[in-house]
Amino acid sequence: MSHAALLFLHALSPLHAGTGQGIGAIDLPIAREKATGIPYLPGSSLKGVLRDRASAWDKDTLFAVFGPDTESASEHAGAVQVGDAKLLLLPVRSLYGVFALVTSPYLLERFRREAGMAGLQVPGVPQVPDAEHALLAPGSRVLGDGGKAYLEDLDLKAREETGARAWEDWLAERTEAPVQGRLAVVHDDLMGFLLETATEVVARIRLDDETKTVAKGALWYEESLPAESLLYALVRADRSFRKGKELPPESVWGLFRGVLEEGGGVLQLGGKATVGRGLCRIVVGR
């Protein structure tokens, strides 16, 4: 029987999981799900970084857990399956409390679905009446004057709900994200708007070596998920399929978890590593 677990990915710096090129105003956009437009980090990216970290293992163990090299991929599957990392909390600028960690009923509902596959019990999903309201935990630092929450250029009617407090406490206990006092649950329609407008877009240039001015055509725009974003990924560990290297699911999971926890659980994910992008802390949900 396979072993399933949920990983939390807390972005310590902006996370650029790019698509290579864009067709709009942003030259290097981040990857988004086709149907929902929600940003994500491909599971292949996370698995590849962990496989590289495990490269000091003996070849049989490495291939049994992560699968053989590409040219021998048809020999057998790897014993560990890493799902895409999906967005749960998006940091958004707030007039009070500096920033809020924003989510919506749909994001919480699909998180609840995958948490259940890993055997985790989560609070009930609160419902937001309309796109003019935000649900906050009682005593939230995001709550401003007039009983409102001011997110980006939006002023929303804030409603203090124990359901939001339950999620704050649940996530604060299991992740290192600064969620306490900052969680805001907004309507799915408003969440869609924030997912398009509240990501980080920066202009980058390349200087001409001779003139030390911007080289012709060397101005481009990059998109990233902001630092403090929180994502999650479902991981399953199965038995080894490699002949001569028998490993039960528990052993595969133990090896995989050991790699995860090296270096304090901090990994570099996505692109633009040389300019400090993509530092993430990974915590196993419990």
Protein backbone atom coordinates (compact mmCIF):
# COMPACT_ATOMS: atom_id res chain seq x y z
CA MET A 1 0.00 0.00 0.00
CA SER A 2 1.39 3.41 -0.95
CA HIS A 3 2.25 6.19 1.49
CA ALA A 4 0.79 9.66 0.79
CA ALA A 5 1.81 12.98 2.30
CA LEU A 6 1.22 16.67 1.72
CA LEU A 7 4.15 19.08 1.36
CA PHE A 8 3.88 22.79 2.12
CA LEU A 9 6.11 25.12 0.08
CA HIS A 10 6.66 28.54 1.65
CA ALA A 11 8.33 31.00 -0.75
CA LEU A 12 11.15 32.86 1.03
CA SER A 13 11.90 34.88 -2.12
CA PRO A 14 9.88 35.53 -5.31
CA LEU A 15 9.19 32.26 -7.13
CA HIS A 16 9.48 32.23 -10.93
CA ALA A 17 8.15 28.95 -12.33
CA GLY A 18 8.10 30.22 -15.90
CA THR A 19 6.73 29.05 -19.22
CA GLY A 20 9.74 30.21 -21.25
CA GLN A 21 7.99 32.97 -23.19
CA GLY A 22 4.79 34.98 -23.20
CA ILE A 23 2.50 36.46 -25.83
CA GLY A 24 1.26 39.45 -23.81
CA ALA A 25 2.88 42.43 -22.12
CA ILE A 26 4.89 40.17 -19.80
CA ASP A 27 7.82 38.55 -21.59
CA LEU A 28 8.40 35.80 -19.01
CA PRO A 29 5.09 34.90 -17.31
CA ILE A 30 4.67 32.25 -14.65
CA ALA A 31 3.01 28.90 -15.32
CA ARG A 32 -0.75 28.86 -14.79
CA GLU A 33 -3.35 26.12 -14.95
CA LYS A 34 -5.10 26.31 -18.32
CA ALA A 35 -8.69 26.14 -17.10
CA THR A 36 -8.46 28.15 -13.86
CA GLY A 37 -5.54 30.52 -14.47
CA ILE A 38 -4.18 29.69 -11.02
CA PRO A 39 -0.34 29.82 -10.79
CA TYR A 40 1.44 26.55 -9.97
CA LEU A 41 4.86 24.94 -9.80
CA PRO A 42 5.14 21.79 -11.97
CA GLY A 43 5.77 18.62 -9.98
CA SER A 44 8.57 17.75 -12.42
CA SER A 45 10.45 20.84 -11.23
CA LEU A 46 10.23 19.86 -7.57
CA LYS A 47 11.07 16.22 -8.28
CA GLY A 48 14.04 17.18 -10.45
CA VAL A 49 15.58 19.37 -7.74
CA LEU A 50 15.21 16.61 -5.15
CA ARG A 51 16.61 14.00 -7.53
CA ASP A 52 19.65 16.19 -8.09
CA ARG A 53 20.10 16.55 -4.33
CA ALA A 54 20.05 12.75 -4.01
CA SER A 55 22.67 12.26 -6.74
CA ALA A 56 25.24 11.06 -4.17
CA TRP A 57 23.14 7.92 -3.52
CA ASP A 58 24.17 4.63 -5.13
CA LYS A 59 22.68 4.29 -8.62
CA ASP A 60 20.25 1.47 -7.77
CA THR A 61 18.67 3.38 -4.89
CA LEU A 62 18.50 6.63 -6.88
CA PHE A 63 16.84 4.94 -9.86
CA ALA A 64 14.47 2.92 -7.64
CA VAL A 65 13.17 6.03 -5.86
CA PHE A 66 13.22 8.67 -8.62
CA GLY A 67 13.26 6.52 -11.77
CA PRO A 68 16.05 5.83 -14.27
CA ASP A 69 17.65 8.39 -16.57
CA THR A 70 15.58 9.62 -19.52
CA GLU A 71 17.20 7.33 -22.07
CA SER A 72 16.23 4.31 -19.92
CA ALA A 73 12.85 5.61 -18.79
CA SER A 74 10.98 2.63 -20.26
CA GLU A 75 12.70 0.15 -17.92
CA HIS A 76 10.58 0.94 -14.87
CA ALA A 77 8.82 3.79 -13.06
CA GLY A 78 10.19 5.59 -10.06
CA ALA A 79 8.66 4.72 -6.70
CA VAL A 80 7.84 8.30 -5.74
CA GLN A 81 5.21 10.46 -7.43
CA VAL A 82 5.35 14.23 -6.94
CA GLY A 83 2.27 16.26 -7.85
CA ASP A 84 2.16 19.86 -9.00
CA ALA A 85 2.55 22.45 -6.22
CA LYS A 86 -0.74 24.39 -6.12
CA LEU A 87 -1.27 27.85 -4.71
CA LEU A 88 -3.13 28.12 -1.40
CA LEU A 89 -2.25 31.59 -0.03
CA LEU A 90 -1.31 34.67 -2.09
CA PRO A 91 0.34 37.61 -0.26
CA VAL A 92 -1.41 40.87 -1.13
CA ARG A 93 -0.46 44.39 -0.04
CA SER A 94 -2.63 45.64 2.84
CA LEU A 95 -3.01 49.11 4.33
CA TYR A 96 -3.07 47.47 7.78
CA GLY A 97 -0.70 44.67 8.79
CA VAL A 98 1.62 45.30 5.78
CA PHE A 99 0.20 42.37 3.82
CA ALA A 100 -2.55 39.78 3.95
CA LEU A 101 -2.40 36.13 2.94
CA VAL A 102 -5.43 35.79 0.70
CA THR A 103 -7.32 32.68 -0.32
CA SER A 104 -10.86 31.79 -1.44
CA PRO A 105 -13.44 29.06 -0.88
CA TYR A 106 -12.43 27.28 -4.11
CA LEU A 107 -8.71 27.25 -3.20
CA LEU A 108 -9.55 25.95 0.30
CA GLU A 109 -11.95 23.33 -1.07
CA ARG A 110 -9.44 21.75 -3.42
CA PHE A 111 -6.79 21.90 -0.70
CA ARG A 112 -9.23 20.06 1.58
CA ARG A 113 -9.66 17.40 -1.11
CA GLU A 114 -5.93 16.67 -1.41
CA ALA A 115 -5.33 16.95 2.35
CA GLY A 116 -7.89 14.18 2.79
CA MET A 117 -5.87 11.94 0.44
CA ALA A 118 -2.91 12.41 2.82
CA GLY A 119 -5.05 11.62 5.86
CA LEU A 120 -5.21 15.20 7.17
CA GLN A 121 -8.36 16.62 8.74
CA VAL A 122 -8.94 20.29 7.93
CA PRO A 123 -11.49 22.88 9.12
CA GLY A 124 -14.70 23.49 7.20
CA VAL A 125 -14.57 25.81 4.20
CA PRO A 126 -16.16 29.22 4.99
CA GLN A 127 -18.37 30.84 2.37
CA VAL A 128 -18.03 34.48 1.32
CA PRO A 129 -21.34 36.18 0.40
CA ASP A 130 -20.02 38.34 -2.47
CA ALA A 131 -16.95 40.04 -3.94
CA GLU A 132 -17.36 43.04 -1.62
CA HIS A 133 -16.63 41.06 1.57
CA ALA A 134 -13.54 39.52 3.17
CA LEU A 135 -13.60 37.05 6.06
CA LEU A 136 -10.97 37.66 8.75
CA ALA A 137 -10.16 35.97 12.04
CA PRO A 138 -11.33 37.87 15.13
CA GLY A 139 -8.64 40.41 16.08
CA SER A 140 -6.94 40.23 12.67
CA ARG A 141 -4.15 42.76 12.09
CA VAL A 142 -5.52 43.28 8.56
CA LEU A 143 -8.75 44.80 9.92
CA GLY A 144 -8.76 48.57 9.35
CA ASP A 145 -10.86 51.60 10.16
CA GLY A 146 -14.57 51.38 9.49
CA GLY A 147 -14.56 47.60 9.72
CA LYS A 148 -12.87 47.26 6.36
CA ALA A 149 -9.91 45.41 4.88
CA TYR A 150 -7.85 47.41 2.39
CA LEU A 151 -6.16 45.06 -0.07
CA GLU A 152 -4.21 46.63 -2.95
CA ASP A 153 -6.62 49.35 -4.19
CA LEU A 154 -9.72 47.56 -2.93
CA ASP A 155 -11.67 48.34 0.22
CA LEU A 156 -13.70 45.35 1.36
CA LYS A 157 -16.30 44.96 4.08
CA ALA A 158 -14.57 42.81 6.69
CA ARG A 159 -16.44 40.16 8.61
CA GLU A 160 -14.75 38.49 11.58
CA GLU A 161 -15.42 34.75 11.43
CA THR A 162 -14.34 31.88 13.66
CA GLY A 163 -14.03 29.78 10.49
CA ALA A 164 -11.17 32.02 9.33
CA ARG A 165 -9.55 31.70 12.78
CA ALA A 166 -9.75 27.90 12.54
CA TRP A 167 -7.83 27.98 9.23
CA GLU A 168 -5.27 30.43 10.61
CA ASP A 169 -4.57 28.18 13.60
CA TRP A 170 -4.47 25.03 11.47
CA LEU A 171 -2.00 26.48 8.96
CA ALA A 172 0.14 28.24 11.59
CA GLU A 173 0.58 24.93 13.40
CA ARG A 174 1.73 23.09 10.28
CA THR A 175 3.70 25.64 8.25
CA GLU A 176 6.19 28.42 8.95
CA ALA A 177 4.26 30.94 6.85
CA PRO A 178 3.31 34.13 8.81
CA VAL A 179 -0.39 33.37 8.55
CA GLN A 180 -1.41 34.23 12.12
CA GLY A 181 -3.50 37.43 12.03
CA ARG A 182 -3.13 37.80 8.26
CA LEU A 183 -5.51 35.33 6.64
CA ALA A 184 -8.22 36.86 4.45
CA VAL A 185 -10.82 34.72 2.66
CA VAL A 186 -12.33 36.50 -0.33
CA HIS A 187 -14.92 35.56 -2.97
CA ASP A 188 -13.71 33.31 -5.79
CA ASP A 189 -14.43 36.04 -8.37
CA LEU A 190 -12.23 38.54 -6.50
CA MET A 191 -9.55 35.88 -6.05
CA GLY A 192 -9.44 35.46 -9.82
CA PHE A 193 -8.84 39.20 -10.19
CA LEU A 194 -6.03 39.20 -7.59
CA LEU A 195 -4.35 36.20 -9.20
CA GLU A 196 -4.03 38.29 -12.37
CA THR A 197 -3.06 41.63 -10.81
CA ALA A 198 -1.27 40.93 -7.50
CA THR A 199 1.64 38.85 -8.74
CA GLU A 200 5.08 40.45 -8.85
CA VAL A 201 6.21 41.88 -12.21
CA VAL A 202 9.66 43.45 -12.48
CA ALA A 203 11.54 45.01 -15.38
CA ARG A 204 14.98 43.54 -16.13
CA ILE A 205 17.68 44.93 -18.38
CA ARG A 206 21.07 43.90 -19.76
CA LEU A 207 23.84 46.49 -20.03
CA ASP A 208 26.03 46.84 -23.09
CA ASP A 209 29.62 46.04 -21.99
CA GLU A 210 31.08 48.89 -24.04
CA THR A 211 28.68 51.74 -23.34
CA LYS A 212 27.26 50.64 -19.96
CA THR A 213 23.82 51.61 -21.22
CA VAL A 214 20.87 49.31 -21.84
CA ALA A 215 21.65 47.06 -24.81
CA LYS A 216 19.24 47.31 -27.73
CA GLY A 217 16.26 45.02 -27.20
CA ALA A 218 17.53 44.00 -23.74
CA LEU A 219 14.55 45.14 -21.67
CA TRP A 220 12.11 42.49 -20.53
CA TYR A 221 9.46 41.91 -17.88
CA GLU A 222 9.42 38.90 -15.55
CA GLU A 223 6.52 37.67 -13.43
CA SER A 224 6.86 35.82 -10.11
CA LEU A 225 4.75 34.66 -7.22
CA PRO A 226 5.61 37.07 -4.37
CA ALA A 227 7.70 36.04 -1.37
CA GLU A 228 5.49 34.60 1.43
CA SER A 229 3.28 32.71 -1.05
CA LEU A 230 2.21 29.30 0.25
CA LEU A 231 1.75 26.30 -2.04
CA TYR A 232 1.20 22.59 -1.42
CA ALA A 233 1.93 19.36 -3.29
CA LEU A 234 0.66 15.80 -2.86
CA VAL A 235 3.38 13.14 -2.80
CA ARG A 236 2.91 9.38 -2.96
CA ALA A 237 5.56 6.77 -2.22
CA ASP A 238 5.04 3.28 -3.68
CA ARG A 239 7.14 0.12 -3.61
CA SER A 240 10.24 -0.01 -5.77
CA PHE A 241 9.75 -1.32 -9.32
CA ARG A 242 13.48 -1.80 -9.96
CA LYS A 243 14.56 -5.45 -10.23
CA GLY A 244 17.10 -6.37 -7.59
CA LYS A 245 16.31 -3.33 -5.46
CA GLU A 246 13.27 -4.20 -3.38
CA LEU A 247 12.03 -1.29 -1.24
CA PRO A 248 8.62 -1.12 0.52
CA PRO A 249 6.70 2.20 0.45
CA GLU A 250 7.81 3.06 3.99
CA SER A 251 11.48 2.80 3.02
CA VAL A 252 10.93 4.86 -0.14
CA TRP A 253 9.20 7.55 1.89
CA GLY A 254 11.98 7.54 4.50
CA LEU A 255 14.62 8.06 1.81
CA PHE A 256 12.57 10.79 0.11
CA ARG A 257 11.89 12.60 3.37
CA GLY A 258 15.59 12.49 4.25
CA VAL A 259 16.37 14.37 1.03
CA LEU A 260 13.60 16.88 1.75
CA GLU A 261 14.94 17.73 5.18
CA GLU A 262 18.56 18.26 4.14
CA GLY A 263 19.69 21.86 4.54
CA GLY A 264 16.82 22.70 6.88
CA GLY A 265 14.27 21.91 4.18
CA VAL A 266 15.28 24.90 2.03
CA LEU A 267 15.36 24.37 -1.74
CA GLN A 268 15.83 26.57 -4.79
CA LEU A 269 12.90 26.04 -7.17
CA GLY A 270 12.00 27.56 -10.51
CA GLY A 271 14.18 29.88 -12.56
CA LYS A 272 16.40 32.93 -11.96
CA ALA A 273 18.40 31.27 -9.17
CA THR A 274 21.42 33.53 -9.77
CA VAL A 275 19.39 36.59 -8.77
CA GLY A 276 18.02 34.98 -5.63
CA ARG A 277 14.67 33.78 -6.93
CA GLY A 278 12.95 30.61 -5.81
CA LEU A 279 14.18 29.99 -2.27
CA CYS A 280 11.47 27.88 -0.62
CA ARG A 281 11.16 26.13 2.72
CA ILE A 282 9.42 22.76 2.51
CA VAL A 283 7.55 21.27 5.45
CA VAL A 284 5.79 17.91 5.54
CA GLY A 285 2.14 18.32 6.59
CA ARG A 286 1.14 16.43 9.71
